Structure formats: C-alpha cells, structure tokens
C-alpha cells in the first residue's frame, strides 16, 4: 500500500479562487468565511485564498474605521 500523504498530488485547476470571488470575499468577509468552510477539505488552496481575502478585508475595514473615528473626533 502506498501512503498518499507522502505523494505529491497533481494541481487541480479548480482549486484556485477566481478574481471575482476574491473581490467579493474581500468586500464581504462573511462570504469568504462561507467559501472557506465549504471548500477546506476538497479544495484547500481555494479555501485558503478566500480566508486570506476575508481577513485582509476585515483588517482594511478596521483601519478605515479607526481613521474615520480619529479624524471625526478631532474636528
């Protein structure tokens, strides 16, 4: 018997997140979380990309909200 964990699996062309889903995951992070959890076992690269886009979107949103709060508080 061969152990499949040691073998390299061929690249799945469907395992990449397309740019449209990446943008949606960035703008609406909950969509990225749904894509992550629905694809994490079958398509791990796609799931990871959606998760990264969602986390980046959350981070950018937090920075923008902090900047708005700081500039709004000073005027």
N, C-alpha and C. Protein backbone atom coordinates (compact mmCIF):
# COMPACT_ATOMS: atom_id res chain seq x y z
N UNK A 1 0.84 -1.20 0.00
CA UNK A 1 0.00 0.00 0.00
C UNK A 1 0.88 1.25 0.00
N UNK A 2 0.44 2.22 -0.71
CA UNK A 2 1.18 3.48 -0.73
C UNK A 2 0.50 4.48 0.19
N UNK A 3 1.31 5.30 0.76
CA UNK A 3 0.81 6.35 1.65
C UNK A 3 0.66 7.62 0.83
N UNK A 4 -0.58 8.09 0.67
CA UNK A 4 -0.83 9.24 -0.18
C UNK A 4 -0.37 10.55 0.44
N UNK A 5 -0.08 10.58 1.72
CA UNK A 5 0.38 11.82 2.33
C UNK A 5 1.79 12.16 1.87
N UNK A 6 2.57 11.16 1.46
CA UNK A 6 3.93 11.41 1.00
C UNK A 6 4.01 11.69 -0.49
N UNK A 7 2.96 11.35 -1.23
CA UNK A 7 2.96 11.58 -2.66
C UNK A 7 2.48 13.00 -2.95
N UNK A 8 3.02 13.57 -4.01
CA UNK A 8 2.54 14.88 -4.41
C UNK A 8 1.32 14.71 -5.29
N UNK A 9 0.30 15.43 -4.97
CA UNK A 9 -0.93 15.36 -5.74
C UNK A 9 -0.86 16.35 -6.89
N UNK A 10 -1.43 16.01 -8.03
CA UNK A 10 -1.39 16.94 -9.16
C UNK A 10 -2.21 18.19 -8.85
N UNK A 11 -1.81 19.30 -9.45
CA UNK A 11 -2.54 20.54 -9.25
C UNK A 11 -3.94 20.44 -9.84
N UNK A 12 -4.91 20.83 -9.06
CA UNK A 12 -6.29 20.84 -9.52
C UNK A 12 -6.57 22.24 -10.07
N UNK A 13 -6.92 22.37 -11.35
CA UNK A 13 -7.17 23.71 -11.89
C UNK A 13 -8.38 24.39 -11.26
N UNK A 14 -9.25 23.62 -10.63
CA UNK A 14 -10.42 24.20 -9.98
C UNK A 14 -10.13 24.57 -8.52
N UNK A 15 -8.88 24.41 -8.10
CA UNK A 15 -8.52 24.69 -6.72
C UNK A 15 -8.04 26.13 -6.52
N UNK A 16 -8.24 26.97 -7.49
CA UNK A 16 -7.86 28.38 -7.38
C UNK A 16 -9.10 29.24 -7.27
N UNK A 17 -9.04 30.25 -6.44
CA UNK A 17 -10.15 31.18 -6.27
C UNK A 17 -10.07 32.23 -7.38
N UNK A 18 -11.16 32.37 -8.15
CA UNK A 18 -11.10 33.36 -9.22
C UNK A 18 -11.19 34.77 -8.65
N UNK A 19 -10.85 35.74 -9.47
CA UNK A 19 -10.73 37.13 -9.00
C UNK A 19 -12.06 37.70 -8.51
N UNK A 20 -13.15 37.28 -9.13
CA UNK A 20 -14.47 37.78 -8.70
C UNK A 20 -14.80 37.34 -7.29
N UNK A 21 -14.57 36.06 -7.00
CA UNK A 21 -14.82 35.57 -5.64
C UNK A 21 -13.84 36.16 -4.64
N UNK A 22 -12.61 36.44 -5.08
CA UNK A 22 -11.65 37.06 -4.19
C UNK A 22 -12.12 38.46 -3.80
N UNK A 23 -12.60 39.22 -4.77
CA UNK A 23 -13.08 40.59 -4.50
C UNK A 23 -14.30 40.55 -3.59
N UNK A 24 -15.22 39.62 -3.86
CA UNK A 24 -16.41 39.51 -3.00
C UNK A 24 -16.00 39.11 -1.58
N UNK A 25 -15.05 38.20 -1.46
CA UNK A 25 -14.57 37.79 -0.14
C UNK A 25 -13.90 38.95 0.59
N UNK A 26 -13.22 39.81 -0.15
CA UNK A 26 -12.57 40.98 0.43
C UNK A 26 -13.61 42.00 0.90
N UNK A 27 -14.60 42.27 0.05
CA UNK A 27 -15.59 43.29 0.38
C UNK A 27 -16.62 42.82 1.40
N UNK A 28 -16.97 41.54 1.36
CA UNK A 28 -17.94 40.96 2.28
C UNK A 28 -17.28 39.74 2.94
N UNK A 29 -16.55 39.95 4.02
CA UNK A 29 -15.76 38.86 4.62
C UNK A 29 -16.54 37.62 5.02
N UNK A 30 -17.81 37.75 5.33
CA UNK A 30 -18.59 36.57 5.70
C UNK A 30 -18.70 35.61 4.51
N UNK A 31 -18.71 36.14 3.30
CA UNK A 31 -18.73 35.29 2.10
C UNK A 31 -17.43 34.50 2.01
N UNK A 32 -16.31 35.14 2.33
CA UNK A 32 -15.04 34.44 2.35
C UNK A 32 -15.02 33.32 3.37
N UNK A 33 -15.64 33.55 4.52
CA UNK A 33 -15.70 32.51 5.55
C UNK A 33 -16.55 31.34 5.08
N UNK A 34 -17.65 31.62 4.41
CA UNK A 34 -18.51 30.55 3.88
C UNK A 34 -17.75 29.76 2.83
N UNK A 35 -17.05 30.45 1.93
CA UNK A 35 -16.26 29.76 0.90
C UNK A 35 -15.19 28.91 1.56
N UNK A 36 -14.55 29.45 2.59
CA UNK A 36 -13.50 28.69 3.29
C UNK A 36 -14.05 27.39 3.87
N UNK A 37 -15.11 27.49 4.65
CA UNK A 37 -15.62 26.30 5.32
C UNK A 37 -16.26 25.30 4.37
N UNK A 38 -16.77 25.77 3.23
CA UNK A 38 -17.38 24.84 2.28
C UNK A 38 -16.35 24.16 1.38
N UNK A 39 -15.12 24.69 1.30
CA UNK A 39 -14.11 24.14 0.40
C UNK A 39 -12.84 23.66 1.09
N UNK A 40 -12.75 23.74 2.41
CA UNK A 40 -11.48 23.48 3.07
C UNK A 40 -10.99 22.05 2.93
N UNK A 41 -11.87 21.08 2.76
CA UNK A 41 -11.39 19.70 2.63
C UNK A 41 -11.15 19.30 1.17
N UNK A 42 -12.00 19.74 0.25
CA UNK A 42 -11.83 19.33 -1.15
C UNK A 42 -10.87 20.22 -1.93
N UNK A 43 -10.89 21.51 -1.67
CA UNK A 43 -10.06 22.46 -2.41
C UNK A 43 -9.36 23.41 -1.43
N UNK A 44 -8.28 22.96 -0.82
CA UNK A 44 -7.63 23.75 0.24
C UNK A 44 -7.03 25.07 -0.25
N UNK A 45 -6.50 25.12 -1.47
CA UNK A 45 -5.93 26.38 -1.97
C UNK A 45 -7.02 27.43 -2.15
N UNK A 46 -8.14 27.02 -2.69
CA UNK A 46 -9.27 27.93 -2.88
C UNK A 46 -9.78 28.42 -1.53
N UNK A 47 -9.89 27.52 -0.57
CA UNK A 47 -10.36 27.89 0.76
C UNK A 47 -9.40 28.86 1.43
N UNK A 48 -8.10 28.58 1.31
CA UNK A 48 -7.09 29.45 1.93
C UNK A 48 -7.13 30.85 1.31
N UNK A 49 -7.27 30.93 0.00
CA UNK A 49 -7.33 32.23 -0.67
C UNK A 49 -8.54 33.03 -0.22
N UNK A 50 -9.69 32.36 -0.09
CA UNK A 50 -10.90 33.04 0.38
C UNK A 50 -10.72 33.53 1.81
N UNK A 51 -10.08 32.72 2.63
CA UNK A 51 -9.84 33.11 4.02
C UNK A 51 -8.91 34.32 4.10
N UNK A 52 -7.84 34.30 3.31
CA UNK A 52 -6.91 35.44 3.29
C UNK A 52 -7.62 36.71 2.82
N UNK A 53 -8.44 36.59 1.78
CA UNK A 53 -9.15 37.77 1.28
C UNK A 53 -10.09 38.32 2.34
N UNK A 54 -10.78 37.44 3.05
CA UNK A 54 -11.69 37.88 4.10
C UNK A 54 -10.93 38.55 5.25
N UNK A 55 -9.80 37.97 5.64
CA UNK A 55 -9.01 38.56 6.73
C UNK A 55 -8.43 39.91 6.33
N UNK A 56 -7.98 40.02 5.09
CA UNK A 56 -7.47 41.31 4.61
C UNK A 56 -8.60 42.34 4.59
N UNK A 57 -9.78 41.92 4.15
CA UNK A 57 -10.94 42.82 4.14
C UNK A 57 -11.31 43.29 5.53
N UNK A 58 -11.26 42.39 6.50
CA UNK A 58 -11.54 42.78 7.89
C UNK A 58 -10.50 43.77 8.39
N UNK A 59 -9.23 43.50 8.10
CA UNK A 59 -8.16 44.40 8.54
C UNK A 59 -8.27 45.78 7.92
N UNK A 60 -8.54 45.83 6.62
CA UNK A 60 -8.69 47.12 5.94
C UNK A 60 -9.90 47.87 6.51
N UNK A 61 -10.99 47.14 6.75
CA UNK A 61 -12.18 47.78 7.33
C UNK A 61 -11.91 48.35 8.71
N UNK A 62 -11.15 47.62 9.52
CA UNK A 62 -10.81 48.13 10.85
C UNK A 62 -9.94 49.38 10.77
N UNK A 63 -8.96 49.36 9.89
CA UNK A 63 -8.09 50.54 9.74
C UNK A 63 -8.90 51.74 9.27
N UNK A 64 -9.78 51.55 8.31
CA UNK A 64 -10.60 52.66 7.81
C UNK A 64 -11.50 53.19 8.92
N UNK A 65 -12.11 52.29 9.70
CA UNK A 65 -12.97 52.75 10.80
C UNK A 65 -12.19 53.50 11.86
N UNK A 66 -10.99 53.06 12.17
CA UNK A 66 -10.15 53.77 13.15
C UNK A 66 -9.78 55.14 12.63
N UNK A 67 -9.39 55.22 11.36
CA UNK A 67 -9.05 56.52 10.78
C UNK A 67 -10.24 57.47 10.75
N UNK A 68 -11.40 56.96 10.44
CA UNK A 68 -12.61 57.80 10.44
C UNK A 68 -12.91 58.28 11.86
N UNK A 69 -12.78 57.38 12.83
CA UNK A 69 -13.07 57.76 14.22
C UNK A 69 -12.06 58.81 14.70
N UNK A 70 -10.79 58.67 14.34
CA UNK A 70 -9.78 59.63 14.78
C UNK A 70 -9.96 60.99 14.10
N UNK A 71 -10.27 60.99 12.82
CA UNK A 71 -10.47 62.28 12.14
C UNK A 71 -11.79 62.92 12.52
N UNK A 72 -12.79 62.12 12.82
CA UNK A 72 -14.06 62.67 13.25
C UNK A 72 -14.00 63.21 14.65
N UNK A 73 -13.18 62.63 15.50
CA UNK A 73 -13.06 63.07 16.89
C UNK A 73 -12.25 64.36 16.99
N UNK A 74 -11.37 64.62 16.01
CA UNK A 74 -10.52 65.80 16.10
C UNK A 74 -11.20 67.06 15.55
N UNK A 75 -12.31 66.90 14.85
CA UNK A 75 -12.94 68.11 14.27
C UNK A 75 -14.10 68.62 15.08
